[in-house]
Amino acid sequence: MAMNPMALLQLKERLNLFNQDHPKMLPFLTAVKDKMQEGTILELKVTDVEGKEMVSNIRLTANDMETFRILANMKQ
């Protein structure tokens, strides 16, 4: 699958902007990355502006771990 180089550049710019807007996120992900392994549960909680909460979770698989490894290597 060929990636559009301009799309990759735009993604990099957007990730940089996200990191500027949310400076605590990257240090958090760095802190937990070594604790994540197959079987780890990731939970996501969203609270909308009206206060309604939605929660979901996934149990990480070997495929997920490989995807994370590939993504981590892309930033290098």
PDB file of N, CA and C in Angstrom:
ATOM      1  N   MET A   1       0.850  -1.177   0.000  1.00  0.00           N
ATOM      2  CA  MET A   1       0.000   0.000   0.000  1.00  0.00           C
ATOM      3  C   MET A   1       0.892   1.234   0.000  1.00  0.00           C
ATOM      4  N   ALA A   2       0.780   2.035  -1.032  1.00  0.00           N
ATOM      5  CA  ALA A   2       1.585   3.250  -1.150  1.00  0.00           C
ATOM      6  C   ALA A   2       0.919   4.393  -0.389  1.00  0.00           C
ATOM      7  N   MET A   3       1.749   5.134   0.332  1.00  0.00           N
ATOM      8  CA  MET A   3       1.245   6.284   1.081  1.00  0.00           C
ATOM      9  C   MET A   3       1.584   7.558   0.329  1.00  0.00           C
ATOM     10  N   ASN A   4       0.677   8.477   0.322  1.00  0.00           N
ATOM     11  CA  ASN A   4       0.897   9.782  -0.269  1.00  0.00           C
ATOM     12  C   ASN A   4       1.853  10.556   0.634  1.00  0.00           C
ATOM     13  N   PRO A   5       3.034  10.962   0.109  1.00  0.00           N
ATOM     14  CA  PRO A   5       3.999  11.700   0.941  1.00  0.00           C
ATOM     15  C   PRO A   5       3.418  12.984   1.528  1.00  0.00           C
ATOM     16  N   MET A   6       2.541  13.647   0.790  1.00  0.00           N
ATOM     17  CA  MET A   6       1.925  14.872   1.315  1.00  0.00           C
ATOM     18  C   MET A   6       0.994  14.553   2.486  1.00  0.00           C
ATOM     19  N   ALA A   7       0.312  13.427   2.412  1.00  0.00           N
ATOM     20  CA  ALA A   7      -0.562  13.029   3.518  1.00  0.00           C
ATOM     21  C   ALA A   7       0.262  12.713   4.759  1.00  0.00           C
ATOM     22  N   LEU A   8       1.417  12.073   4.572  1.00  0.00           N
ATOM     23  CA  LEU A   8       2.297  11.787   5.710  1.00  0.00           C
ATOM     24  C   LEU A   8       2.819  13.078   6.332  1.00  0.00           C
ATOM     25  N   LEU A   9       3.164  14.045   5.497  1.00  0.00           N
ATOM     26  CA  LEU A   9       3.642  15.334   6.002  1.00  0.00           C
ATOM     27  C   LEU A   9       2.533  16.037   6.780  1.00  0.00           C
ATOM     28  N   GLN A  10       1.323  15.992   6.247  1.00  0.00           N
ATOM     29  CA  GLN A  10       0.195  16.608   6.939  1.00  0.00           C
ATOM     30  C   GLN A  10      -0.072  15.913   8.275  1.00  0.00           C
ATOM     31  N   LEU A  11       0.026  14.592   8.296  1.00  0.00           N
ATOM     32  CA  LEU A  11      -0.162  13.844   9.537  1.00  0.00           C
ATOM     33  C   LEU A  11       0.885  14.247  10.569  1.00  0.00           C
ATOM     34  N   LYS A  12       2.135  14.371  10.143  1.00  0.00           N
ATOM     35  CA  LYS A  12       3.203  14.786  11.053  1.00  0.00           C
ATOM     36  C   LYS A  12       2.919  16.168  11.628  1.00  0.00           C
ATOM     37  N   GLU A  13       2.472  17.081  10.779  1.00  0.00           N
ATOM     38  CA  GLU A  13       2.145  18.435  11.247  1.00  0.00           C
ATOM     39  C   GLU A  13       0.993  18.409  12.252  1.00  0.00           C
ATOM     40  N   ARG A  14      -0.019  17.596  11.970  1.00  0.00           N
ATOM     41  CA  ARG A  14      -1.162  17.506  12.873  1.00  0.00           C
ATOM     42  C   ARG A  14      -0.767  16.886  14.220  1.00  0.00           C
ATOM     43  N   LEU A  15       0.100  15.876  14.185  1.00  0.00           N
ATOM     44  CA  LEU A  15       0.573  15.268  15.432  1.00  0.00           C
ATOM     45  C   LEU A  15       1.391  16.259  16.251  1.00  0.00           C
ATOM     46  N   ASN A  16       2.192  17.079  15.572  1.00  0.00           N
ATOM     47  CA  ASN A  16       2.948  18.119  16.279  1.00  0.00           C
ATOM     48  C   ASN A  16       1.998  19.120  16.929  1.00  0.00           C
ATOM     49  N   LEU A  17       0.956  19.518  16.200  1.00  0.00           N
ATOM     50  CA  LEU A  17      -0.029  20.449  16.746  1.00  0.00           C
ATOM     51  C   LEU A  17      -0.755  19.824  17.940  1.00  0.00           C
ATOM     52  N   PHE A  18      -1.134  18.544  17.808  1.00  0.00           N
ATOM     53  CA  PHE A  18      -1.792  17.845  18.914  1.00  0.00           C
ATOM     54  C   PHE A  18      -0.895  17.844  20.148  1.00  0.00           C
ATOM     55  N   ASN A  19       0.393  17.586  19.942  1.00  0.00           N
ATOM     56  CA  ASN A  19       1.338  17.561  21.056  1.00  0.00           C
ATOM     57  C   ASN A  19       1.475  18.942  21.702  1.00  0.00           C
ATOM     58  N   GLN A  20       1.431  20.002  20.904  1.00  0.00           N
ATOM     59  CA  GLN A  20       1.483  21.365  21.456  1.00  0.00           C
ATOM     60  C   GLN A  20       0.230  21.661  22.285  1.00  0.00           C
ATOM     61  N   ASP A  21      -0.917  21.237  21.775  1.00  0.00           N
ATOM     62  CA  ASP A  21      -2.181  21.509  22.460  1.00  0.00           C
ATOM     63  C   ASP A  21      -2.380  20.647  23.709  1.00  0.00           C
ATOM     64  N   HIS A  22      -1.755  19.473  23.731  1.00  0.00           N
ATOM     65  CA  HIS A  22      -1.944  18.519  24.827  1.00  0.00           C
ATOM     66  C   HIS A  22      -0.573  18.000  25.295  1.00  0.00           C
ATOM     67  N   PRO A  23       0.226  18.858  25.926  1.00  0.00           N
ATOM     68  CA  PRO A  23       1.617  18.504  26.244  1.00  0.00           C
ATOM     69  C   PRO A  23       1.790  17.357  27.242  1.00  0.00           C
ATOM     70  N   LYS A  24       0.762  16.999  27.980  1.00  0.00           N
ATOM     71  CA  LYS A  24       0.885  15.905  28.949  1.00  0.00           C
ATOM     72  C   LYS A  24       0.675  14.529  28.320  1.00  0.00           C
ATOM     73  N   MET A  25       0.118  14.494  27.104  1.00  0.00           N
ATOM     74  CA  MET A  25      -0.230  13.212  26.495  1.00  0.00           C
ATOM     75  C   MET A  25       0.996  12.397  26.117  1.00  0.00           C
ATOM     76  N   LEU A  26       1.959  12.982  25.445  1.00  0.00           N
ATOM     77  CA  LEU A  26       3.145  12.230  25.019  1.00  0.00           C
ATOM     78  C   LEU A  26       3.935  11.693  26.217  1.00  0.00           C
ATOM     79  N   PRO A  27       4.175  12.494  27.258  1.00  0.00           N
ATOM     80  CA  PRO A  27       4.851  11.923  28.438  1.00  0.00           C
ATOM     81  C   PRO A  27       4.061  10.781  29.079  1.00  0.00           C
ATOM     82  N   PHE A  28       2.728  10.873  29.073  1.00  0.00           N
ATOM     83  CA  PHE A  28       1.909   9.784  29.615  1.00  0.00           C
ATOM     84  C   PHE A  28       2.093   8.518  28.790  1.00  0.00           C
ATOM     85  N   LEU A  29       2.000   8.645  27.461  1.00  0.00           N
ATOM     86  CA  LEU A  29       2.168   7.474  26.594  1.00  0.00           C
ATOM     87  C   LEU A  29       3.563   6.881  26.729  1.00  0.00           C
ATOM     88  N   THR A  30       4.557   7.731  26.881  1.00  0.00           N
ATOM     89  CA  THR A  30       5.925   7.258  27.079  1.00  0.00           C
ATOM     90  C   THR A  30       6.030   6.480  28.391  1.00  0.00           C
ATOM     91  N   ALA A  31       5.349   6.963  29.421  1.00  0.00           N
ATOM     92  CA  ALA A  31       5.409   6.308  30.731  1.00  0.00           C
ATOM     93  C   ALA A  31       4.725   4.944  30.730  1.00  0.00           C
ATOM     94  N   VAL A  32       3.654   4.794  29.960  1.00  0.00           N
ATOM     95  CA  VAL A  32       2.913   3.530  29.994  1.00  0.00           C
ATOM     96  C   VAL A  32       3.344   2.540  28.915  1.00  0.00           C
ATOM     97  N   LYS A  33       4.098   2.978  27.930  1.00  0.00           N
ATOM     98  CA  LYS A  33       4.414   2.093  26.798  1.00  0.00           C
ATOM     99  C   LYS A  33       5.132   0.821  27.230  1.00  0.00           C
ATOM    100  N   ASP A  34       6.012   0.904  28.200  1.00  0.00           N
ATOM    101  CA  ASP A  34       6.736  -0.282  28.638  1.00  0.00           C
ATOM    102  C   ASP A  34       5.872  -1.214  29.488  1.00  0.00           C
ATOM    103  N   LYS A  35       4.750  -0.728  29.962  1.00  0.00           N
ATOM    104  CA  LYS A  35       3.842  -1.552  30.764  1.00  0.00           C
ATOM    105  C   LYS A  35       2.805  -2.258  29.891  1.00  0.00           C
ATOM    106  N   MET A  36       2.659  -1.807  28.642  1.00  0.00           N
ATOM    107  CA  MET A  36       1.669  -2.422  27.761  1.00  0.00           C
ATOM    108  C   MET A  36       2.226  -3.706  27.164  1.00  0.00           C
ATOM    109  N   GLN A  37       1.426  -4.740  27.248  1.00  0.00           N
ATOM    110  CA  GLN A  37       1.776  -6.024  26.665  1.00  0.00           C
ATOM    111  C   GLN A  37       0.478  -6.712  26.264  1.00  0.00           C
ATOM    112  N   GLU A  38       0.589  -7.803  25.565  1.00  0.00           N
ATOM    113  CA  GLU A  38      -0.594  -8.543  25.171  1.00  0.00           C
ATOM    114  C   GLU A  38      -1.411  -8.871  26.422  1.00  0.00           C
ATOM    115  N   GLY A  39      -2.702  -8.592  26.373  1.00  0.00           N
ATOM    116  CA  GLY A  39      -3.577  -8.828  27.517  1.00  0.00           C
ATOM    117  C   GLY A  39      -3.870  -7.571  28.320  1.00  0.00           C
ATOM    118  N   THR A  40      -3.070  -6.518  28.134  1.00  0.00           N
ATOM    119  CA  THR A  40      -3.323  -5.246  28.807  1.00  0.00           C
ATOM    120  C   THR A  40      -4.658  -4.685  28.326  1.00  0.00           C
ATOM    121  N   ILE A  41      -5.405  -4.081  29.230  1.00  0.00           N
ATOM    122  CA  ILE A  41      -6.691  -3.480  28.866  1.00  0.00           C
ATOM    123  C   ILE A  41      -6.517  -1.963  28.773  1.00  0.00           C
ATOM    124  N   LEU A  42      -6.902  -1.418  27.613  1.00  0.00           N
ATOM    125  CA  LEU A  42      -6.934   0.030  27.425  1.00  0.00           C
ATOM    126  C   LEU A  42      -8.384   0.477  27.549  1.00  0.00           C
ATOM    127  N   GLU A  43      -8.623   1.518  28.351  1.00  0.00           N
ATOM    128  CA  GLU A  43      -9.975   2.023  28.535  1.00  0.00           C
ATOM    129  C   GLU A  43     -10.012   3.479  28.105  1.00  0.00           C
ATOM    130  N   LEU A  44     -11.052   3.829  27.383  1.00  0.00           N
ATOM    131  CA  LEU A  44     -11.236   5.205  26.921  1.00  0.00           C
ATOM    132  C   LEU A  44     -12.554   5.722  27.468  1.00  0.00           C
ATOM    133  N   LYS A  45     -12.484   6.865  28.138  1.00  0.00           N
ATOM    134  CA  LYS A  45     -13.687   7.490  28.683  1.00  0.00           C
ATOM    135  C   LYS A  45     -13.843   8.851  28.029  1.00  0.00           C
ATOM    136  N   VAL A  46     -15.034   9.120  27.494  1.00  0.00           N
ATOM    137  CA  VAL A  46     -15.337  10.401  26.866  1.00  0.00           C
ATOM    138  C   VAL A  46     -16.471  11.042  27.647  1.00  0.00           C
ATOM    139  N   THR A  47     -16.273  12.301  28.031  1.00  0.00           N
ATOM    140  CA  THR A  47     -17.324  13.077  28.683  1.00  0.00           C
ATOM    141  C   THR A  47     -17.658  14.235  27.762  1.00  0.00           C
ATOM    142  N   ASP A  48     -18.897  14.278  27.261  1.00  0.00           N
ATOM    143  CA  ASP A  48     -19.253  15.356  26.339  1.00  0.00           C
ATOM    144  C   ASP A  48     -19.511  16.641  27.121  1.00  0.00           C
ATOM    145  N   VAL A  49     -19.772  17.721  26.394  1.00  0.00           N
ATOM    146  CA  VAL A  49     -19.933  19.033  27.035  1.00  0.00           C
ATOM    147  C   VAL A  49     -21.149  19.090  27.948  1.00  0.00           C
ATOM    148  N   GLU A  50     -22.087  18.154  27.780  1.00  0.00           N
ATOM    149  CA  GLU A  50     -23.263  18.105  28.650  1.00  0.00           C
ATOM    150  C   GLU A  50     -23.050  17.204  29.867  1.00  0.00           C
ATOM    151  N   GLY A  51     -21.849  16.602  29.964  1.00  0.00           N
ATOM    152  CA  GLY A  51     -21.529  15.756  31.101  1.00  0.00           C
ATOM    153  C   GLY A  51     -21.839  14.283  30.909  1.00  0.00           C
ATOM    154  N   LYS A  52     -22.363  13.902  29.748  1.00  0.00           N
ATOM    155  CA  LYS A  52     -22.671  12.492  29.490  1.00  0.00           C
ATOM    156  C   LYS A  52     -21.365  11.736  29.273  1.00  0.00           C
ATOM    157  N   GLU A  53     -21.227  10.610  29.961  1.00  0.00           N
ATOM    158  CA  GLU A  53     -20.009   9.810  29.864  1.00  0.00           C
ATOM    159  C   GLU A  53     -20.246   8.559  29.031  1.00  0.00           C
ATOM    160  N   MET A  54     -19.235   8.230  28.230  1.00  0.00           N
ATOM    161  CA  MET A  54     -19.237   6.997  27.451  1.00  0.00           C
ATOM    162  C   MET A  54     -17.888   6.330  27.679  1.00  0.00           C
ATOM    163  N   VAL A  55     -17.897   5.028  27.911  1.00  0.00           N
ATOM    164  CA  VAL A  55     -16.667   4.304  28.226  1.00  0.00           C
ATOM    165  C   VAL A  55     -16.606   3.049  27.358  1.00  0.00           C
ATOM    166  N   SER A  56     -15.410   2.761  26.868  1.00  0.00           N
ATOM    167  CA  SER A  56     -15.174   1.535  26.124  1.00  0.00           C
ATOM    168  C   SER A  56     -13.768   1.051  26.448  1.00  0.00           C
ATOM    169  N   ASN A  57     -13.519  -0.234  26.220  1.00  0.00           N
ATOM    170  CA  ASN A  57     -12.174  -0.742  26.459  1.00  0.00           C
ATOM    171  C   ASN A  57     -11.860  -1.859  25.477  1.00  0.00           C
ATOM    172  N   ILE A  58     -10.571  -2.107  25.327  1.00  0.00           N
ATOM    173  CA  ILE A  58     -10.103  -3.223  24.495  1.00  0.00           C
ATOM    174  C   ILE A  58      -8.988  -3.943  25.245  1.00  0.00           C
ATOM    175  N   ARG A  59      -8.900  -5.234  25.020  1.00  0.00           N
ATOM    176  CA  ARG A  59      -7.792  -6.035  25.543  1.00  0.00           C
ATOM    177  C   ARG A  59      -6.801  -6.175  24.392  1.00  0.00           C
ATOM    178  N   LEU A  60      -5.550  -5.731  24.620  1.00  0.00           N
ATOM    179  CA  LEU A  60      -4.552  -5.730  23.561  1.00  0.00           C
ATOM    180  C   LEU A  60      -4.194  -7.143  23.116  1.00  0.00           C
ATOM    181  N   THR A  61      -4.083  -7.292  21.805  1.00  0.00           N
ATOM    182  CA  THR A  61      -3.700  -8.570  21.205  1.00  0.00           C
ATOM    183  C   THR A  61      -2.272  -8.465  20.677  1.00  0.00           C
ATOM    184  N   ALA A  62      -1.733  -9.579  20.221  1.00  0.00           N
ATOM    185  CA  ALA A  62      -0.400  -9.571  19.605  1.00  0.00           C
ATOM    186  C   ALA A  62      -0.400  -8.675  18.376  1.00  0.00           C
ATOM    187  N   ASN A  63      -1.486  -8.667  17.610  1.00  0.00           N
ATOM    188  CA  ASN A  63      -1.578  -7.780  16.446  1.00  0.00           C
ATOM    189  C   ASN A  63      -1.520  -6.316  16.855  1.00  0.00           C
ATOM    190  N   ASP A  64      -2.200  -5.963  17.945  1.00  0.00           N
ATOM    191  CA  ASP A  64      -2.160  -4.588  18.440  1.00  0.00           C
ATOM    192  C   ASP A  64      -0.732  -4.197  18.811  1.00  0.00           C
ATOM    193  N   MET A  65      -0.037  -5.095  19.491  1.00  0.00           N
ATOM    194  CA  MET A  65       1.329  -4.793  19.918  1.00  0.00           C
ATOM    195  C   MET A  65       2.233  -4.571  18.710  1.00  0.00           C
ATOM    196  N   GLU A  66       2.045  -5.346  17.657  1.00  0.00           N
ATOM    197  CA  GLU A  66       2.834  -5.168  16.441  1.00  0.00           C
ATOM    198  C   GLU A  66       2.512  -3.818  15.789  1.00  0.00           C
ATOM    199  N   THR A  67       1.246  -3.440  15.784  1.00  0.00           N
ATOM    200  CA  THR A  67       0.857  -2.136  15.243  1.00  0.00           C
ATOM    201  C   THR A  67       1.515  -1.009  16.030  1.00  0.00           C
ATOM    202  N   PHE A  68       1.511  -1.098  17.353  1.00  0.00           N
ATOM    203  CA  PHE A  68       2.160  -0.082  18.183  1.00  0.00           C
ATOM    204  C   PHE A  68       3.659  -0.022  17.906  1.00  0.00           C
ATOM    205  N   ARG A  69       4.289  -1.190  17.716  1.00  0.00           N
ATOM    206  CA  ARG A  69       5.718  -1.227  17.428  1.00  0.00           C
ATOM    207  C   ARG A  69       6.015  -0.517  16.110  1.00  0.00           C
ATOM    208  N   ILE A  70       5.199  -0.765  15.108  1.00  0.00           N
ATOM    209  CA  ILE A  70       5.390  -0.123  13.799  1.00  0.00           C
ATOM    210  C   ILE A  70       5.207   1.385  13.926  1.00  0.00           C
ATOM    211  N   LEU A  71       4.164   1.816  14.619  1.00  0.00           N
ATOM    212  CA  LEU A  71       3.921   3.250  14.801  1.00  0.00           C
ATOM    213  C   LEU A  71       5.068   3.917  15.559  1.00  0.00           C
ATOM    214  N   ALA A  72       5.576   3.256  16.580  1.00  0.00           N
ATOM    215  CA  ALA A  72       6.701   3.816  17.347  1.00  0.00           C
ATOM    216  C   ALA A  72       7.939   3.968  16.478  1.00  0.00           C
ATOM    217  N   ASN A  73       8.160   3.015  15.582  1.00  0.00           N
ATOM    218  CA  ASN A  73       9.328   3.088  14.707  1.00  0.00           C
ATOM    219  C   ASN A  73       9.177   4.137  13.627  1.00  0.00           C
ATOM    220  N   MET A  74       7.954   4.536  13.307  1.00  0.00           N
ATOM    221  CA  MET A  74       7.729   5.560  12.288  1.00  0.00           C
ATOM    222  C   MET A  74       8.228   6.930  12.726  1.00  0.00           C
ATOM    223  N   LYS A  75       8.209   7.192  14.015  1.00  0.00           N
ATOM    224  CA  LYS A  75       8.608   8.522  14.494  1.00  0.00           C
ATOM    225  C   LYS A  75      10.123   8.712  14.489  1.00  0.00           C
ATOM    226  N   GLN A  76      10.867   7.649  14.281  1.00  0.00           N
ATOM    227  CA  GLN A  76      12.326   7.738  14.321  1.00  0.00           C
ATOM    228  C   GLN A  76      12.879   8.208  13.018  1.00  0.00           C
TER     229      GLN A  76
END
